[in-house]
């Protein structure tokens, strides 16, 4: 699966495959990975950075969270770093908002 348990915010059981993979562009069976993760009580967070949301929508295939790279699409030159973690508002609010720094 190429993943492991990671601590994302307060989330302790989270599988995070990259699909498609970089540089080989192999596509994971996201629905099957979601089934395995959920059966084990884990979330599935798909790294969708190599593919745009227009081409692959992991949430529709069972992923709980999706990680997108804005860097590739906004700049492509390495001058801008941007990204997004997308998921249901209740999951984002409960797990990520409490650990996000508040601007001074």
Protein backbone atom coordinates (compact mmCIF):
# COMPACT_ATOMS: atom_id res chain seq x y z
CA UNK A 1 0.00 0.00 0.00
CA UNK A 2 3.02 2.29 0.42
CA UNK A 3 1.54 3.93 3.48
CA UNK A 4 1.76 3.93 7.24
CA UNK A 5 0.09 5.21 10.35
CA UNK A 6 0.77 8.90 10.72
CA UNK A 7 -0.17 11.52 13.23
CA UNK A 8 -2.14 14.13 11.30
CA UNK A 9 -3.42 16.63 13.83
CA UNK A 10 -4.85 14.26 16.44
CA UNK A 11 -5.58 11.48 13.93
CA UNK A 12 -3.62 8.36 14.84
CA UNK A 13 -4.81 5.81 12.27
CA UNK A 14 -4.49 7.20 8.79
CA UNK A 15 -3.37 5.52 5.58
CA UNK A 16 -2.02 7.93 2.98
CA UNK A 17 -1.29 6.52 -0.48
CA UNK A 18 -0.27 8.69 -3.41
CA UNK A 19 -2.36 8.19 -6.54
CA UNK A 20 -1.27 8.44 -9.23
CA UNK A 21 2.24 7.78 -8.04
CA UNK A 22 5.12 10.03 -8.98
CA UNK A 23 7.13 9.42 -11.16
CA UNK A 24 5.65 6.12 -12.44
CA UNK A 25 2.04 7.40 -12.62
CA UNK A 26 0.60 4.14 -11.29
CA UNK A 27 -3.01 4.52 -10.16
CA UNK A 28 -4.14 2.96 -6.87
CA UNK A 29 -7.49 1.25 -6.44
CA UNK A 30 -8.76 3.93 -4.07
CA UNK A 31 -12.09 2.17 -3.44
CA UNK A 32 -10.27 -1.01 -2.34
CA UNK A 33 -7.84 0.97 -0.16
CA UNK A 34 -10.78 2.79 1.46
CA UNK A 35 -12.46 -0.52 2.22
CA UNK A 36 -9.30 -1.91 3.86
CA UNK A 37 -8.61 1.29 5.82
CA UNK A 38 -12.18 1.61 7.07
CA UNK A 39 -12.36 -2.09 8.00
CA UNK A 40 -9.30 -1.49 10.21
CA UNK A 41 -10.77 1.64 11.78
CA UNK A 42 -8.44 3.98 9.89
CA UNK A 43 -9.04 7.01 7.73
CA UNK A 44 -7.87 7.13 4.12
CA UNK A 45 -6.11 10.35 3.09
CA UNK A 46 -5.16 10.27 -0.60
CA UNK A 47 -2.25 12.36 -1.83
CA UNK A 48 -3.76 13.64 -5.09
CA UNK A 49 -0.90 16.09 -5.76
CA UNK A 50 0.12 14.61 -9.11
CA UNK A 51 -3.43 14.67 -10.45
CA UNK A 52 -5.83 17.58 -10.50
CA UNK A 53 -9.24 17.40 -8.80
CA UNK A 54 -10.79 17.56 -12.27
CA UNK A 55 -9.16 14.24 -13.24
CA UNK A 56 -9.42 12.22 -10.02
CA UNK A 57 -11.84 12.69 -7.13
CA UNK A 58 -10.80 10.32 -4.32
CA UNK A 59 -13.69 11.29 -2.01
CA UNK A 60 -16.14 9.83 -4.53
CA UNK A 61 -14.15 6.58 -4.28
CA UNK A 62 -14.26 6.42 -0.48
CA UNK A 63 -11.32 8.56 0.70
CA UNK A 64 -11.90 10.58 3.86
CA UNK A 65 -9.33 13.29 3.13
CA UNK A 66 -7.64 14.47 -0.05
CA UNK A 67 -4.35 16.36 -0.24
CA UNK A 68 -3.93 18.66 -3.25
CA UNK A 69 -0.86 20.56 -4.41
CA UNK A 70 -1.53 24.13 -5.40
CA UNK A 71 2.16 24.69 -6.11
CA UNK A 72 2.13 22.86 -9.44
CA UNK A 73 -1.00 24.60 -10.66
CA UNK A 74 -0.39 28.12 -9.35
CA UNK A 75 3.27 28.58 -10.25
CA UNK A 76 5.23 25.54 -11.44
CA UNK A 77 8.50 27.45 -10.98
CA UNK A 78 9.05 26.71 -7.29
CA UNK A 79 8.41 30.31 -6.22
CA UNK A 80 5.08 29.54 -4.56
CA UNK A 81 4.25 26.84 -2.04
CA UNK A 82 0.57 26.06 -1.67
CA UNK A 83 -1.68 23.13 -0.93
CA UNK A 84 -4.94 22.03 0.59
CA UNK A 85 -6.26 19.24 2.77
CA UNK A 86 -9.89 18.68 1.83
CA UNK A 87 -12.53 16.69 3.64
CA UNK A 88 -15.83 16.90 5.49
CA UNK A 89 -16.06 20.14 7.53
CA UNK A 90 -16.67 18.23 10.78
CA UNK A 91 -13.47 16.20 10.29
CA UNK A 92 -11.37 19.25 9.32
CA UNK A 93 -12.78 21.32 12.21
CA UNK A 94 -12.27 18.56 14.77
CA UNK A 95 -8.82 17.36 13.73
CA UNK A 96 -6.98 20.19 11.98
CA UNK A 97 -8.34 23.53 13.15
CA UNK A 98 -7.23 22.95 16.79
CA UNK A 99 -3.59 22.48 15.67
CA UNK A 100 -3.43 25.29 13.09
CA UNK A 101 -1.41 28.30 14.20
CA UNK A 102 -3.33 31.53 14.63
CA UNK A 103 -1.75 34.49 12.76
CA UNK A 104 -0.42 37.21 15.04
